[in-house]
Amino acid sequence: MAQLKVRQTRSGIGRKQNQRETLRTLGLKRIGDVVVKEDRPEIRGMLATVPHLVAVEEVD
């Protein structure tokens, strides 16, 4: 299954509570953090909540 490399590019400070919680659930704590997640509908939904705070690229 494909994987997604997710990098936090902007801070969650001053954002809505659900956006801050989504960043934490993804495993992102600070700007520049990178996590690799499986490409699943649940993860895609989380990324759709915070597209302005993260950068996403596919990894084979």
PDB file of N, CA and C in Angstrom:
ATOM      1  N   MET A   1       0.843  -1.188   0.000  1.00  0.00           N
ATOM      2  CA  MET A   1       0.000   0.000   0.000  1.00  0.00           C
ATOM      3  C   MET A   1       0.883   1.245   0.000  1.00  0.00           C
ATOM      4  N   ALA A   2       0.432   2.277  -0.670  1.00  0.00           N
ATOM      5  CA  ALA A   2       1.194   3.523  -0.745  1.00  0.00           C
ATOM      6  C   ALA A   2       1.276   4.185   0.623  1.00  0.00           C
ATOM      7  N   GLN A   3       2.283   5.022   0.770  1.00  0.00           N
ATOM      8  CA  GLN A   3       2.447   5.752   2.016  1.00  0.00           C
ATOM      9  C   GLN A   3       2.519   7.242   1.730  1.00  0.00           C
ATOM     10  N   LEU A   4       2.185   8.019   2.744  1.00  0.00           N
ATOM     11  CA  LEU A   4       2.207   9.473   2.633  1.00  0.00           C
ATOM     12  C   LEU A   4       3.210  10.040   3.617  1.00  0.00           C
ATOM     13  N   LYS A   5       4.041  10.933   3.133  1.00  0.00           N
ATOM     14  CA  LYS A   5       4.988  11.642   3.998  1.00  0.00           C
ATOM     15  C   LYS A   5       4.366  12.995   4.320  1.00  0.00           C
ATOM     16  N   VAL A   6       4.118  13.227   5.595  1.00  0.00           N
ATOM     17  CA  VAL A   6       3.421  14.433   6.038  1.00  0.00           C
ATOM     18  C   VAL A   6       4.397  15.286   6.848  1.00  0.00           C
ATOM     19  N   ARG A   7       4.548  16.549   6.439  1.00  0.00           N
ATOM     20  CA  ARG A   7       5.439  17.483   7.131  1.00  0.00           C
ATOM     21  C   ARG A   7       4.616  18.662   7.617  1.00  0.00           C
ATOM     22  N   GLN A   8       4.785  19.023   8.892  1.00  0.00           N
ATOM     23  CA  GLN A   8       4.085  20.194   9.413  1.00  0.00           C
ATOM     24  C   GLN A   8       4.836  21.443   8.967  1.00  0.00           C
ATOM     25  N   THR A   9       4.135  22.354   8.293  1.00  0.00           N
ATOM     26  CA  THR A   9       4.765  23.554   7.757  1.00  0.00           C
ATOM     27  C   THR A   9       4.371  24.818   8.504  1.00  0.00           C
ATOM     28  N   ARG A  10       3.237  24.774   9.206  1.00  0.00           N
ATOM     29  CA  ARG A  10       2.780  25.937   9.947  1.00  0.00           C
ATOM     30  C   ARG A  10       2.323  25.523  11.337  1.00  0.00           C
ATOM     31  N   SER A  11       2.299  26.480  12.231  1.00  0.00           N
ATOM     32  CA  SER A  11       1.953  26.236  13.620  1.00  0.00           C
ATOM     33  C   SER A  11       0.453  26.031  13.818  1.00  0.00           C
ATOM     34  N   GLY A  12       0.122  25.281  14.847  1.00  0.00           N
ATOM     35  CA  GLY A  12      -1.269  25.079  15.214  1.00  0.00           C
ATOM     36  C   GLY A  12      -1.764  26.121  16.203  1.00  0.00           C
ATOM     37  N   ILE A  13      -0.884  27.018  16.625  1.00  0.00           N
ATOM     38  CA  ILE A  13      -1.259  28.058  17.587  1.00  0.00           C
ATOM     39  C   ILE A  13      -2.293  28.987  16.957  1.00  0.00           C
ATOM     40  N   GLY A  14      -3.352  29.251  17.688  1.00  0.00           N
ATOM     41  CA  GLY A  14      -4.393  30.147  17.211  1.00  0.00           C
ATOM     42  C   GLY A  14      -5.388  29.484  16.276  1.00  0.00           C
ATOM     43  N   ARG A  15      -5.232  28.190  16.053  1.00  0.00           N
ATOM     44  CA  ARG A  15      -6.159  27.458  15.184  1.00  0.00           C
ATOM     45  C   ARG A  15      -7.276  26.857  16.026  1.00  0.00           C
ATOM     46  N   LYS A  16      -8.285  26.342  15.357  1.00  0.00           N
ATOM     47  CA  LYS A  16      -9.394  25.713  16.063  1.00  0.00           C
ATOM     48  C   LYS A  16      -8.902  24.468  16.801  1.00  0.00           C
ATOM     49  N   GLN A  17      -9.626  24.133  17.868  1.00  0.00           N
ATOM     50  CA  GLN A  17      -9.253  22.987  18.702  1.00  0.00           C
ATOM     51  C   GLN A  17      -9.169  21.693  17.891  1.00  0.00           C
ATOM     52  N   ASN A  18     -10.127  21.462  16.983  1.00  0.00           N
ATOM     53  CA  ASN A  18     -10.110  20.202  16.233  1.00  0.00           C
ATOM     54  C   ASN A  18      -8.899  20.136  15.302  1.00  0.00           C
ATOM     55  N   GLN A  19      -8.419  21.259  14.813  1.00  0.00           N
ATOM     56  CA  GLN A  19      -7.232  21.258  13.962  1.00  0.00           C
ATOM     57  C   GLN A  19      -5.980  20.948  14.777  1.00  0.00           C
ATOM     58  N   ARG A  20      -5.884  21.502  15.971  1.00  0.00           N
ATOM     59  CA  ARG A  20      -4.740  21.205  16.845  1.00  0.00           C
ATOM     60  C   ARG A  20      -4.736  19.728  17.233  1.00  0.00           C
ATOM     61  N   GLU A  21      -5.923  19.190  17.537  1.00  0.00           N
ATOM     62  CA  GLU A  21      -6.018  17.778  17.904  1.00  0.00           C
ATOM     63  C   GLU A  21      -5.676  16.875  16.728  1.00  0.00           C
ATOM     64  N   THR A  22      -6.048  17.283  15.523  1.00  0.00           N
ATOM     65  CA  THR A  22      -5.736  16.496  14.334  1.00  0.00           C
ATOM     66  C   THR A  22      -4.229  16.428  14.124  1.00  0.00           C
ATOM     67  N   LEU A  23      -3.524  17.548  14.320  1.00  0.00           N
ATOM     68  CA  LEU A  23      -2.062  17.539  14.198  1.00  0.00           C
ATOM     69  C   LEU A  23      -1.452  16.564  15.199  1.00  0.00           C
ATOM     70  N   ARG A  24      -1.944  16.592  16.422  1.00  0.00           N
ATOM     71  CA  ARG A  24      -1.425  15.684  17.455  1.00  0.00           C
ATOM     72  C   ARG A  24      -1.715  14.228  17.107  1.00  0.00           C
ATOM     73  N   THR A  25      -2.893  13.960  16.608  1.00  0.00           N
ATOM     74  CA  THR A  25      -3.278  12.596  16.243  1.00  0.00           C
ATOM     75  C   THR A  25      -2.395  12.078  15.114  1.00  0.00           C
ATOM     76  N   LEU A  26      -2.021  12.958  14.208  1.00  0.00           N
ATOM     77  CA  LEU A  26      -1.120  12.567  13.118  1.00  0.00           C
ATOM     78  C   LEU A  26       0.312  12.345  13.625  1.00  0.00           C
ATOM     79  N   GLY A  27       0.603  12.824  14.834  1.00  0.00           N
ATOM     80  CA  GLY A  27       1.938  12.647  15.399  1.00  0.00           C
ATOM     81  C   GLY A  27       2.844  13.838  15.176  1.00  0.00           C
ATOM     82  N   LEU A  28       2.255  14.977  14.838  1.00  0.00           N
ATOM     83  CA  LEU A  28       3.033  16.189  14.582  1.00  0.00           C
ATOM     84  C   LEU A  28       2.964  17.100  15.795  1.00  0.00           C
ATOM     85  N   LYS A  29       4.139  17.520  16.271  1.00  0.00           N
ATOM     86  CA  LYS A  29       4.191  18.351  17.469  1.00  0.00           C
ATOM     87  C   LYS A  29       4.717  19.749  17.194  1.00  0.00           C
ATOM     88  N   ARG A  30       5.597  19.891  16.214  1.00  0.00           N
ATOM     89  CA  ARG A  30       6.186  21.204  15.944  1.00  0.00           C
ATOM     90  C   ARG A  30       6.468  21.366  14.465  1.00  0.00           C
ATOM     91  N   ILE A  31       6.716  22.596  14.051  1.00  0.00           N
ATOM     92  CA  ILE A  31       7.003  22.887  12.647  1.00  0.00           C
ATOM     93  C   ILE A  31       8.249  22.111  12.229  1.00  0.00           C
ATOM     94  N   GLY A  32       8.162  21.465  11.076  1.00  0.00           N
ATOM     95  CA  GLY A  32       9.291  20.688  10.565  1.00  0.00           C
ATOM     96  C   GLY A  32       9.217  19.216  10.876  1.00  0.00           C
ATOM     97  N   ASP A  33       8.321  18.820  11.768  1.00  0.00           N
ATOM     98  CA  ASP A  33       8.151  17.396  12.071  1.00  0.00           C
ATOM     99  C   ASP A  33       7.647  16.655  10.840  1.00  0.00           C
ATOM    100  N   VAL A  34       8.157  15.431  10.643  1.00  0.00           N
ATOM    101  CA  VAL A  34       7.757  14.609   9.504  1.00  0.00           C
ATOM    102  C   VAL A  34       7.325  13.243  10.019  1.00  0.00           C
ATOM    103  N   VAL A  35       6.195  12.761   9.508  1.00  0.00           N
ATOM    104  CA  VAL A  35       5.730  11.410   9.813  1.00  0.00           C
ATOM    105  C   VAL A  35       5.344  10.730   8.509  1.00  0.00           C
ATOM    106  N   VAL A  36       5.464   9.412   8.484  1.00  0.00           N
ATOM    107  CA  VAL A  36       5.054   8.631   7.320  1.00  0.00           C
ATOM    108  C   VAL A  36       3.865   7.784   7.748  1.00  0.00           C
ATOM    109  N   LYS A  37       2.755   7.962   7.034  1.00  0.00           N
ATOM    110  CA  LYS A  37       1.515   7.255   7.348  1.00  0.00           C
ATOM    111  C   LYS A  37       1.056   6.471   6.136  1.00  0.00           C
ATOM    112  N   GLU A  38       0.304   5.404   6.378  1.00  0.00           N
ATOM    113  CA  GLU A  38      -0.288   4.646   5.268  1.00  0.00           C
ATOM    114  C   GLU A  38      -1.378   5.487   4.611  1.00  0.00           C
ATOM    115  N   ASP A  39      -1.527   5.320   3.311  1.00  0.00           N
ATOM    116  CA  ASP A  39      -2.538   6.059   2.563  1.00  0.00           C
ATOM    117  C   ASP A  39      -3.885   5.370   2.755  1.00  0.00           C
ATOM    118  N   ARG A  40      -4.610   5.816   3.767  1.00  0.00           N
ATOM    119  CA  ARG A  40      -5.911   5.243   4.105  1.00  0.00           C
ATOM    120  C   ARG A  40      -6.948   6.350   4.143  1.00  0.00           C
ATOM    121  N   PRO A  41      -8.216   6.021   3.993  1.00  0.00           N
ATOM    122  CA  PRO A  41      -9.262   7.053   4.020  1.00  0.00           C
ATOM    123  C   PRO A  41      -9.273   7.869   5.321  1.00  0.00           C
ATOM    124  N   GLU A  42      -8.967   7.223   6.438  1.00  0.00           N
ATOM    125  CA  GLU A  42      -8.977   7.929   7.716  1.00  0.00           C
ATOM    126  C   GLU A  42      -7.896   9.003   7.739  1.00  0.00           C
ATOM    127  N   ILE A  43      -6.717   8.661   7.248  1.00  0.00           N
ATOM    128  CA  ILE A  43      -5.603   9.606   7.221  1.00  0.00           C
ATOM    129  C   ILE A  43      -5.904  10.724   6.225  1.00  0.00           C
ATOM    130  N   ARG A  44      -6.469  10.381   5.064  1.00  0.00           N
ATOM    131  CA  ARG A  44      -6.832  11.402   4.067  1.00  0.00           C
ATOM    132  C   ARG A  44      -7.835  12.394   4.659  1.00  0.00           C
ATOM    133  N   GLY A  45      -8.767  11.900   5.473  1.00  0.00           N
ATOM    134  CA  GLY A  45      -9.737  12.778   6.120  1.00  0.00           C
ATOM    135  C   GLY A  45      -9.080  13.730   7.090  1.00  0.00           C
ATOM    136  N   MET A  46      -8.108  13.229   7.858  1.00  0.00           N
ATOM    137  CA  MET A  46      -7.378  14.093   8.785  1.00  0.00           C
ATOM    138  C   MET A  46      -6.604  15.162   8.020  1.00  0.00           C
ATOM    139  N   LEU A  47      -5.984  14.767   6.916  1.00  0.00           N
ATOM    140  CA  LEU A  47      -5.215  15.720   6.124  1.00  0.00           C
ATOM    141  C   LEU A  47      -6.127  16.770   5.490  1.00  0.00           C
ATOM    142  N   ALA A  48      -7.350  16.401   5.185  1.00  0.00           N
ATOM    143  CA  ALA A  48      -8.298  17.361   4.618  1.00  0.00           C
ATOM    144  C   ALA A  48      -8.715  18.406   5.647  1.00  0.00           C
ATOM    145  N   THR A  49      -8.559  18.080   6.931  1.00  0.00           N
ATOM    146  CA  THR A  49      -8.889  19.018   7.997  1.00  0.00           C
ATOM    147  C   THR A  49      -7.820  20.090   8.157  1.00  0.00           C
ATOM    148  N   VAL A  50      -6.561  19.752   7.851  1.00  0.00           N
ATOM    149  CA  VAL A  50      -5.453  20.691   8.081  1.00  0.00           C
ATOM    150  C   VAL A  50      -4.559  20.887   6.844  1.00  0.00           C
ATOM    151  N   PRO A  51      -5.138  21.072   5.658  1.00  0.00           N
ATOM    152  CA  PRO A  51      -4.280  21.185   4.465  1.00  0.00           C
ATOM    153  C   PRO A  51      -3.400  22.432   4.466  1.00  0.00           C
ATOM    154  N   HIS A  52      -3.834  23.469   5.188  1.00  0.00           N
ATOM    155  CA  HIS A  52      -3.089  24.712   5.246  1.00  0.00           C
ATOM    156  C   HIS A  52      -1.935  24.668   6.249  1.00  0.00           C
ATOM    157  N   LEU A  53      -1.836  23.576   7.016  1.00  0.00           N
ATOM    158  CA  LEU A  53      -0.792  23.460   8.032  1.00  0.00           C
ATOM    159  C   LEU A  53       0.258  22.402   7.686  1.00  0.00           C
ATOM    160  N   VAL A  54      -0.003  21.582   6.685  1.00  0.00           N
ATOM    161  CA  VAL A  54       0.904  20.486   6.367  1.00  0.00           C
ATOM    162  C   VAL A  54       1.220  20.432   4.869  1.00  0.00           C
ATOM    163  N   ALA A  55       2.319  19.757   4.561  1.00  0.00           N
ATOM    164  CA  ALA A  55       2.677  19.447   3.183  1.00  0.00           C
ATOM    165  C   ALA A  55       2.699  17.927   3.061  1.00  0.00           C
ATOM    166  N   VAL A  56       2.099  17.410   1.998  1.00  0.00           N
ATOM    167  CA  VAL A  56       1.962  15.964   1.831  1.00  0.00           C
ATOM    168  C   VAL A  56       2.593  15.537   0.516  1.00  0.00           C
ATOM    169  N   GLU A  57       3.350  14.419   0.559  1.00  0.00           N
ATOM    170  CA  GLU A  57       3.851  13.836  -0.675  1.00  0.00           C
ATOM    171  C   GLU A  57       3.779  12.318  -0.562  1.00  0.00           C
ATOM    172  N   GLU A  58       3.578  11.667  -1.704  1.00  0.00           N
ATOM    173  CA  GLU A  58       3.486  10.216  -1.711  1.00  0.00           C
ATOM    174  C   GLU A  58       4.864   9.591  -1.740  1.00  0.00           C
ATOM    175  N   VAL A  59       5.004   8.479  -1.018  1.00  0.00           N
ATOM    176  CA  VAL A  59       6.248   7.731  -0.952  1.00  0.00           C
ATOM    177  C   VAL A  59       5.953   6.313  -1.402  1.00  0.00           C
ATOM    178  N   ASP A  60       6.802   5.749  -2.234  1.00  0.00           N
ATOM    179  CA  ASP A  60       6.596   4.378  -2.689  1.00  0.00           C
ATOM    180  C   ASP A  60       7.219   3.374  -1.757  1.00  0.00           C
TER     181      ASP A  60
END
